[in-house]
N, C-alpha and C. Protein backbone atom coordinates (compact mmCIF):
# COMPACT_ATOMS: atom_id res chain seq x y z
N UNK A 1 146.06 242.08 12.37
CA UNK A 1 146.66 242.02 13.63
C UNK A 1 148.17 241.46 13.36
N UNK A 2 149.17 242.04 13.68
CA UNK A 2 150.54 241.75 13.76
C UNK A 2 150.85 240.51 14.35
N UNK A 3 151.64 239.76 13.94
CA UNK A 3 152.42 238.74 14.53
C UNK A 3 153.16 238.86 16.04
N UNK A 4 153.22 238.03 16.68
CA UNK A 4 153.90 238.04 17.99
C UNK A 4 155.38 238.58 17.83
N UNK A 5 155.84 238.36 16.72
CA UNK A 5 157.32 238.45 16.60
C UNK A 5 157.54 239.89 16.13
N UNK A 6 156.53 240.25 15.24
CA UNK A 6 156.42 241.70 14.68
C UNK A 6 156.17 242.64 16.14
N UNK A 7 155.25 242.27 16.75
CA UNK A 7 154.96 243.04 17.80
C UNK A 7 155.89 243.20 18.97
N UNK A 8 156.61 242.29 19.10
CA UNK A 8 158.01 242.31 19.91
C UNK A 8 159.19 243.14 19.59
N UNK A 9 159.31 243.17 18.31
CA UNK A 9 160.38 244.06 17.67
C UNK A 9 159.83 245.45 17.86
N UNK A 10 158.54 245.73 17.32
CA UNK A 10 158.15 247.06 17.57
C UNK A 10 158.32 247.80 18.89
N UNK A 11 157.93 246.64 20.21
CA UNK A 11 158.09 247.28 21.61
C UNK A 11 159.45 247.27 21.57
N UNK A 12 160.34 246.71 21.26
CA UNK A 12 161.55 246.68 21.66
C UNK A 12 162.44 248.08 20.81
N UNK A 13 161.86 248.35 19.62
CA UNK A 13 162.35 249.63 18.98
C UNK A 13 161.79 250.76 19.74
N UNK A 14 160.43 250.62 20.32
CA UNK A 14 159.88 251.75 21.01
C UNK A 14 161.06 252.06 22.05
N UNK A 15 161.37 250.96 23.05
CA UNK A 15 162.16 251.16 24.02
C UNK A 15 163.57 251.84 23.52
N UNK A 16 164.30 251.33 22.54
CA UNK A 16 165.20 251.60 22.18
C UNK A 16 165.35 253.12 21.76
N UNK A 17 164.56 253.60 21.05
CA UNK A 17 164.34 254.89 20.43
C UNK A 17 164.19 255.80 21.91
N UNK A 18 163.25 255.45 22.77
CA UNK A 18 162.91 256.39 23.97
C UNK A 18 164.45 256.35 24.63
N UNK A 19 165.30 255.38 24.78
CA UNK A 19 166.55 255.48 25.78
C UNK A 19 167.36 256.27 24.95
N UNK A 20 167.52 256.25 23.71
CA UNK A 20 168.60 257.02 22.90
C UNK A 20 167.96 258.52 22.96
N UNK A 21 166.68 258.84 22.76
CA UNK A 21 166.14 260.05 23.04
C UNK A 21 166.62 260.68 24.40
N UNK A 22 166.48 259.96 25.43
CA UNK A 22 166.83 260.49 26.73
C UNK A 22 168.17 260.55 27.19
N UNK A 23 168.99 259.41 26.62
CA UNK A 23 170.54 259.71 27.19
C UNK A 23 171.36 260.06 25.91
N UNK A 24 171.11 259.74 24.80
CA UNK A 24 172.26 260.08 23.85
C UNK A 24 172.28 261.09 22.73
N UNK A 25 171.06 261.51 22.46
CA UNK A 25 170.68 262.59 21.54
C UNK A 25 170.78 263.74 22.37
N UNK A 26 171.53 264.83 22.13
CA UNK A 26 171.80 265.81 22.65
C UNK A 26 171.47 267.10 21.90
N UNK A 27 170.51 267.14 21.01
CA UNK A 27 170.21 268.39 20.09
C UNK A 27 169.25 269.09 20.98
N UNK A 28 169.74 270.48 21.04
CA UNK A 28 169.10 271.42 21.86
C UNK A 28 167.55 271.93 21.18
N UNK A 29 167.33 271.25 19.97
CA UNK A 29 165.95 271.49 19.58
C UNK A 29 165.13 270.61 19.85
N UNK A 30 165.60 269.50 20.49
CA UNK A 30 164.66 268.42 21.13
C UNK A 30 163.98 268.68 22.16
N UNK A 31 162.53 268.72 22.46
CA UNK A 31 161.73 269.13 23.51
C UNK A 31 161.70 267.76 24.36
N UNK A 32 160.64 268.08 24.92
CA UNK A 32 160.39 266.73 26.04
C UNK A 32 159.41 265.82 25.11
N UNK A 33 160.04 264.97 24.42
CA UNK A 33 159.42 264.06 23.54
C UNK A 33 159.09 262.80 24.16
N UNK A 34 157.88 262.24 23.93
CA UNK A 34 157.38 260.91 24.38
C UNK A 34 157.11 259.88 23.38
N UNK A 35 157.63 258.77 23.10
CA UNK A 35 157.34 257.71 22.22
C UNK A 35 156.08 257.10 22.76
N UNK A 36 154.82 257.32 21.78
CA UNK A 36 153.68 256.48 22.26
C UNK A 36 153.56 255.25 21.76
N UNK A 37 153.83 255.13 20.76
CA UNK A 37 153.66 253.85 19.85
C UNK A 37 154.60 253.61 18.96
N UNK A 38 154.92 252.41 18.63
CA UNK A 38 155.47 251.83 17.08
C UNK A 38 154.85 250.83 16.27
N UNK A 39 154.58 251.20 15.08
CA UNK A 39 153.73 250.45 14.26
C UNK A 39 154.78 249.93 13.33
N UNK A 40 154.95 248.81 13.15
CA UNK A 40 155.84 248.05 12.25
C UNK A 40 155.00 247.00 11.01
N UNK A 41 155.63 247.17 9.95
CA UNK A 41 154.95 246.42 8.84
C UNK A 41 155.26 244.91 8.85
N UNK A 42 154.59 244.15 8.30
CA UNK A 42 154.63 242.76 8.56
C UNK A 42 156.10 242.27 8.01
N UNK A 43 156.64 242.74 7.14
CA UNK A 43 157.89 242.48 6.58
C UNK A 43 159.16 243.08 7.41
N UNK A 44 158.87 243.76 8.41
CA UNK A 44 159.63 244.60 9.47
C UNK A 44 160.61 245.44 8.51
N UNK A 45 160.02 246.42 7.39
CA UNK A 45 161.05 246.85 6.57
C UNK A 45 160.62 248.49 6.97
N UNK A 46 159.55 248.80 7.49
CA UNK A 46 158.93 249.88 7.70
C UNK A 46 158.71 250.31 9.01
N UNK A 47 159.00 251.12 9.96
CA UNK A 47 158.65 251.44 11.43
C UNK A 47 157.95 252.73 11.34
N UNK A 48 156.82 252.84 11.88
CA UNK A 48 156.05 254.30 12.14
C UNK A 48 156.39 254.52 13.46
N UNK A 49 156.99 255.64 13.83
CA UNK A 49 157.24 255.89 15.25
C UNK A 49 156.21 257.16 15.76
N UNK A 50 155.56 257.05 16.38
CA UNK A 50 154.31 258.16 16.93
C UNK A 50 154.94 258.73 18.11
N UNK A 51 154.66 260.03 18.27
CA UNK A 51 155.35 260.71 19.46
C UNK A 51 154.71 261.89 19.63
N UNK A 52 154.63 262.39 20.98
CA UNK A 52 153.88 263.56 21.44
C UNK A 52 155.06 264.40 22.01
N UNK A 53 154.78 265.83 21.76
CA UNK A 53 155.80 266.46 22.35
C UNK A 53 155.00 267.99 23.44
N UNK A 54 155.70 267.87 24.39
CA UNK A 54 155.20 269.03 25.44
C UNK A 54 155.59 270.38 25.20
N UNK A 55 154.52 271.20 24.83
CA UNK A 55 154.86 272.32 24.53
C UNK A 55 153.91 272.85 23.50
N UNK A 56 154.32 274.10 22.91
CA UNK A 56 153.72 274.80 21.84
C UNK A 56 153.89 274.39 20.53
N UNK A 57 153.41 274.95 19.51
CA UNK A 57 153.79 275.04 18.09
C UNK A 57 155.35 274.92 17.67
N UNK A 58 155.96 276.00 18.06
CA UNK A 58 157.25 276.24 17.89
C UNK A 58 158.21 274.85 18.35
N UNK A 59 157.86 274.74 19.61
CA UNK A 59 158.52 273.56 20.41
C UNK A 59 158.26 272.11 19.56
N UNK A 60 156.95 271.89 18.89
CA UNK A 60 156.54 270.63 18.21
C UNK A 60 157.65 270.79 16.89
N UNK A 61 157.51 271.68 16.24
CA UNK A 61 158.37 271.96 15.09
C UNK A 61 159.65 271.79 15.06
N UNK A 62 160.32 272.26 16.32
CA UNK A 62 161.80 272.07 16.40
C UNK A 62 162.02 270.63 16.76
N UNK A 63 161.16 269.96 17.73
CA UNK A 63 161.59 268.62 17.85
C UNK A 63 161.12 267.66 17.09
N UNK A 64 160.41 268.18 15.86
CA UNK A 64 160.17 267.29 14.60
C UNK A 64 161.58 267.30 13.81
N UNK A 65 162.12 268.64 13.70
CA UNK A 65 163.35 268.58 13.03
C UNK A 65 164.44 267.84 13.63
N UNK A 66 164.24 267.78 15.05
CA UNK A 66 165.80 267.31 15.49
C UNK A 66 165.45 265.90 15.44
N UNK A 67 164.38 265.28 15.40
CA UNK A 67 163.96 263.69 15.17
C UNK A 67 164.44 263.27 13.90
N UNK A 68 163.90 264.43 12.82
CA UNK A 68 164.18 263.91 11.51
C UNK A 68 165.92 263.96 11.32
N UNK A 69 166.62 264.84 11.95
CA UNK A 69 168.03 264.96 11.88
C UNK A 69 168.93 263.82 12.61
N UNK A 70 168.09 263.44 13.72
CA UNK A 70 168.94 261.90 14.40
C UNK A 70 168.34 260.70 14.06
N UNK A 71 167.51 260.70 12.91
CA UNK A 71 167.13 259.40 12.40
C UNK A 71 168.24 258.48 12.07
N UNK A 72 169.20 258.71 11.25
CA UNK A 72 170.38 257.96 10.97
C UNK A 72 170.76 257.35 12.04
N UNK A 73 171.23 258.09 13.14
CA UNK A 73 171.68 257.57 14.50
C UNK A 73 170.74 256.56 15.16
N UNK A 74 169.81 256.84 14.99
CA UNK A 74 168.81 256.07 15.94
C UNK A 74 168.56 254.66 15.05
N UNK A 75 168.34 254.75 13.64
CA UNK A 75 168.27 253.46 13.08
C UNK A 75 169.63 252.86 13.14
N UNK A 76 170.76 253.33 13.14
CA UNK A 76 171.83 252.42 13.44
C UNK A 76 171.92 251.88 14.67
N UNK A 77 171.33 252.71 15.85
CA UNK A 77 171.50 251.95 17.14
C UNK A 77 170.22 250.99 17.36
N UNK A 78 169.27 251.22 16.65
CA UNK A 78 168.28 250.17 16.35
C UNK A 78 168.85 248.79 15.72
N UNK A 79 169.71 248.92 14.64
CA UNK A 79 170.20 247.75 14.04
C UNK A 79 171.15 246.98 14.97
N UNK A 80 171.89 247.65 15.87
CA UNK A 80 172.95 247.25 16.48
C UNK A 80 172.31 246.52 17.57
N UNK A 81 171.13 247.04 18.30
CA UNK A 81 170.61 246.41 19.49
C UNK A 81 170.08 245.15 19.12
N UNK A 82 168.97 245.30 17.93
CA UNK A 82 168.16 244.32 17.35
C UNK A 82 169.16 243.23 16.70
N UNK A 83 170.23 243.32 16.09
CA UNK A 83 170.82 242.35 15.45
C UNK A 83 170.19 241.81 14.20
N UNK A 84 169.61 242.59 13.68
CA UNK A 84 168.58 242.05 12.41
C UNK A 84 169.48 242.36 11.24
N UNK A 85 169.05 241.60 10.10
CA UNK A 85 169.88 241.75 8.78
C UNK A 85 169.25 242.99 8.24
N UNK A 86 168.02 243.07 8.21
CA UNK A 86 167.45 244.35 7.59
C UNK A 86 166.96 245.25 8.63
N UNK A 87 167.51 246.31 8.72
CA UNK A 87 167.03 247.44 9.92
C UNK A 87 165.72 247.95 9.13
N UNK A 88 164.68 248.36 9.80
CA UNK A 88 163.58 249.04 9.49
C UNK A 88 163.73 250.47 9.16
N UNK A 89 163.30 251.18 8.14
CA UNK A 89 163.63 252.39 8.20
C UNK A 89 162.71 253.37 9.03
N UNK A 90 163.03 254.32 9.76
CA UNK A 90 162.18 254.94 10.76
C UNK A 90 161.45 256.23 10.15
N UNK A 91 160.02 256.43 10.57
CA UNK A 91 159.35 257.42 10.14
C UNK A 91 158.75 258.10 11.48
N UNK A 92 159.01 259.18 11.49
CA UNK A 92 158.41 259.84 12.93
C UNK A 92 157.01 260.50 12.52
N UNK A 93 155.98 260.35 13.40
CA UNK A 93 154.90 260.94 13.07
C UNK A 93 154.18 261.51 14.24
N UNK A 94 153.85 262.85 14.47
CA UNK A 94 153.20 263.41 15.45
C UNK A 94 152.07 262.56 15.73
N UNK A 95 151.73 262.08 17.18
CA UNK A 95 150.65 261.31 17.82
C UNK A 95 149.37 262.51 17.87
N UNK A 96 148.13 262.28 17.18
CA UNK A 96 147.06 263.32 17.37
C UNK A 96 146.34 262.81 18.66
N UNK A 97 146.60 261.89 19.35
CA UNK A 97 145.97 261.31 20.28
C UNK A 97 145.88 262.48 21.61
N UNK A 98 146.74 263.43 22.01
CA UNK A 98 146.20 264.37 22.99
C UNK A 98 145.17 265.22 22.59
N UNK A 99 145.36 265.58 21.32
CA UNK A 99 144.52 266.84 20.72
C UNK A 99 143.00 266.19 20.64
N UNK A 100 143.01 264.76 20.39
CA UNK A 100 141.84 264.17 20.38
C UNK A 100 141.33 264.12 21.61
N UNK A 101 141.98 263.86 22.56
CA UNK A 101 141.42 263.65 23.90
C UNK A 101 141.03 264.75 24.47
N UNK A 102 141.76 265.92 24.26
CA UNK A 102 141.60 267.17 24.77
C UNK A 102 139.93 267.72 24.17
N UNK A 103 139.90 267.46 23.09
CA UNK A 103 138.72 267.72 22.25
C UNK A 103 137.40 267.01 22.62
N UNK A 104 137.38 265.79 23.06
CA UNK A 104 136.79 264.78 23.72
C UNK A 104 136.33 265.49 25.26
N UNK A 105 137.33 265.85 25.79
CA UNK A 105 137.10 266.55 27.10
C UNK A 105 136.36 267.54 27.17
N UNK A 106 136.45 268.44 26.05
CA UNK A 106 135.61 269.70 25.94
C UNK A 106 134.34 269.45 25.43
N UNK A 107 134.23 268.38 24.58
CA UNK A 107 132.55 268.01 24.36
C UNK A 107 132.07 267.43 25.75
N UNK A 108 132.57 266.66 26.40
CA UNK A 108 132.22 266.09 27.80
C UNK A 108 131.72 267.33 28.73
N UNK A 109 132.74 268.19 28.83
CA UNK A 109 132.50 269.54 29.77
C UNK A 109 131.21 270.28 29.27
N UNK A 110 131.17 270.29 27.99
CA UNK A 110 129.89 271.31 27.39
C UNK A 110 128.41 270.50 27.55
N UNK A 111 128.81 269.11 27.43
CA UNK A 111 127.52 268.48 27.71
C UNK A 111 127.21 268.47 29.41
N UNK A 112 127.94 268.34 30.39
CA UNK A 112 127.78 268.40 31.68
C UNK A 112 127.45 269.74 31.82
N UNK A 113 127.64 270.76 31.41
CA UNK A 113 127.19 272.27 31.60
C UNK A 113 125.71 272.28 31.15
N UNK A 114 125.26 271.70 29.91
CA UNK A 114 124.09 271.68 29.50
C UNK A 114 123.37 270.73 30.37
N UNK A 115 123.77 269.68 30.95
CA UNK A 115 122.99 268.96 31.63
C UNK A 115 122.68 269.79 33.06
N UNK A 116 123.64 270.77 33.61
CA UNK A 116 123.35 271.27 34.82
C UNK A 116 122.56 272.52 34.46
N UNK A 117 122.22 272.88 33.18
CA UNK A 117 121.52 274.00 32.93
C UNK A 117 120.12 273.41 33.08
N UNK A 118 119.77 272.35 32.49
CA UNK A 118 118.51 271.66 32.45
C UNK A 118 117.99 271.22 33.75
N UNK A 119 119.10 271.02 34.46
CA UNK A 119 118.59 270.49 36.14
C UNK A 119 118.26 271.63 36.66
N UNK A 120 119.03 272.98 36.55
CA UNK A 120 118.50 273.97 37.21
C UNK A 120 117.36 274.73 36.61
N UNK A 121 116.72 274.28 35.44
CA UNK A 121 115.69 274.88 34.84
C UNK A 121 114.30 273.93 35.34
N UNK A 122 114.78 272.64 35.81
CA UNK A 122 113.70 271.71 36.33
C UNK A 122 113.39 271.79 37.70
N UNK A 123 114.21 272.62 38.53
CA UNK A 123 113.76 273.17 39.72
C UNK A 123 112.71 273.71 39.89
N UNK A 124 111.59 273.20 40.71
CA UNK A 124 110.72 273.97 40.96
C UNK A 124 109.68 273.97 39.85
N UNK A 125 109.61 273.08 38.86
CA UNK A 125 108.82 273.10 37.60
C UNK A 125 107.72 272.06 38.06
N UNK A 126 106.64 272.04 37.44
CA UNK A 126 105.52 271.22 37.74
C UNK A 126 105.14 270.55 36.25
N UNK A 127 104.19 269.67 36.38
CA UNK A 127 103.86 268.91 35.00
C UNK A 127 103.05 269.78 34.22
N UNK A 128 102.90 269.74 33.01
CA UNK A 128 102.19 270.31 31.87
C UNK A 128 100.62 269.64 32.22
N UNK A 129 100.43 268.55 32.38
CA UNK A 129 99.35 267.73 32.85
C UNK A 129 98.99 267.36 33.94
N UNK A 130 98.59 266.10 34.00
CA UNK A 130 98.52 265.30 35.24
C UNK A 130 99.82 264.71 35.64
N UNK A 131 100.30 264.71 36.96
CA UNK A 131 101.43 264.05 37.34
C UNK A 131 101.51 262.40 36.77
N UNK A 132 100.18 261.85 36.67
CA UNK A 132 100.34 260.45 35.83
C UNK A 132 99.60 260.51 34.59
N UNK A 133 100.03 260.59 33.31
CA UNK A 133 99.29 260.70 32.43
C UNK A 133 99.03 259.38 31.83
N UNK A 134 99.19 258.48 32.46
CA UNK A 134 98.71 257.33 31.70
C UNK A 134 97.20 256.67 32.26
N UNK A 135 96.62 256.08 31.31
CA UNK A 135 95.19 255.69 31.40
C UNK A 135 95.05 254.46 32.20
N UNK A 136 94.32 254.51 33.29
CA UNK A 136 94.15 253.07 33.80
C UNK A 136 92.91 252.60 33.86
N UNK A 137 92.66 251.20 34.22
CA UNK A 137 91.42 250.84 34.04
C UNK A 137 90.42 251.36 35.00
N UNK A 138 89.07 251.44 34.68
CA UNK A 138 88.09 251.97 35.41
C UNK A 138 87.77 250.93 36.38
N UNK A 139 87.68 251.25 37.64
CA UNK A 139 87.25 250.14 38.65
C UNK A 139 85.72 250.30 38.88
N UNK A 140 85.00 249.60 38.71
CA UNK A 140 83.53 249.77 39.15
C UNK A 140 83.39 250.15 40.81
N UNK A 141 82.37 251.09 41.29
CA UNK A 141 82.13 251.68 42.33
C UNK A 141 81.43 250.27 43.07
N UNK A 142 81.56 249.92 44.08
CA UNK A 142 80.96 248.81 45.03
C UNK A 142 79.40 249.30 45.15
N UNK A 143 78.96 250.41 45.21
CA UNK A 143 77.67 250.66 45.32
C UNK A 143 76.92 250.55 44.10
N UNK A 144 77.39 250.73 42.98
CA UNK A 144 76.59 250.46 41.81
C UNK A 144 76.41 248.99 41.51
N UNK A 145 77.39 248.27 42.06
CA UNK A 145 77.38 246.86 41.83
C UNK A 145 76.21 246.00 42.63
N UNK A 146 75.96 246.86 44.03
CA UNK A 146 74.69 246.29 44.79
C UNK A 146 73.59 246.55 44.11
N UNK A 147 73.23 247.54 43.41
CA UNK A 147 71.89 247.78 43.04
C UNK A 147 71.66 247.11 41.68
C-alpha cells in the first residue's frame, strides 16, 4: 500500500492530466479518453497512467499515439503544477477494466439464461420418488399397544 503522500501526488497527477487532455491538448487523433487511475512508485519516479477510450480499435490506436506524442507536454505541466524537484516519468497503459466488466456481464447473462431454462424445465415436473424421501421414525399404533 502506498503512503498517503504518494497517493495524494498520484491523485493530483490524475486531475492534471485529465484537465490537460480536456483543455490544452488539441491533437485530432485523441478520442474520448478517460483517465481511470494513476499508480506512482514509492520513490515518485514513475507514474503509470491508466486510461480508457470510447470507440473501436482504430480510435484506441490513434488515441494511444496521441498520448505518446503529448507525453512531454503533459510531464512538463505536471512538474509545473506539482512543484516537485524530480518530475515522474509518465507511462500510458490502456485499462482492461471495461473488457473485464463486459466479459463478466456476458458470463452472468449466460448463467441467468441457463437458470431460466432450468426453471422452465422444472414447471410441471414431479419427484422421481416420494415427495418426502427421508426416513421418519415409526410410531406404534395405539391399537397394538392395548393388546
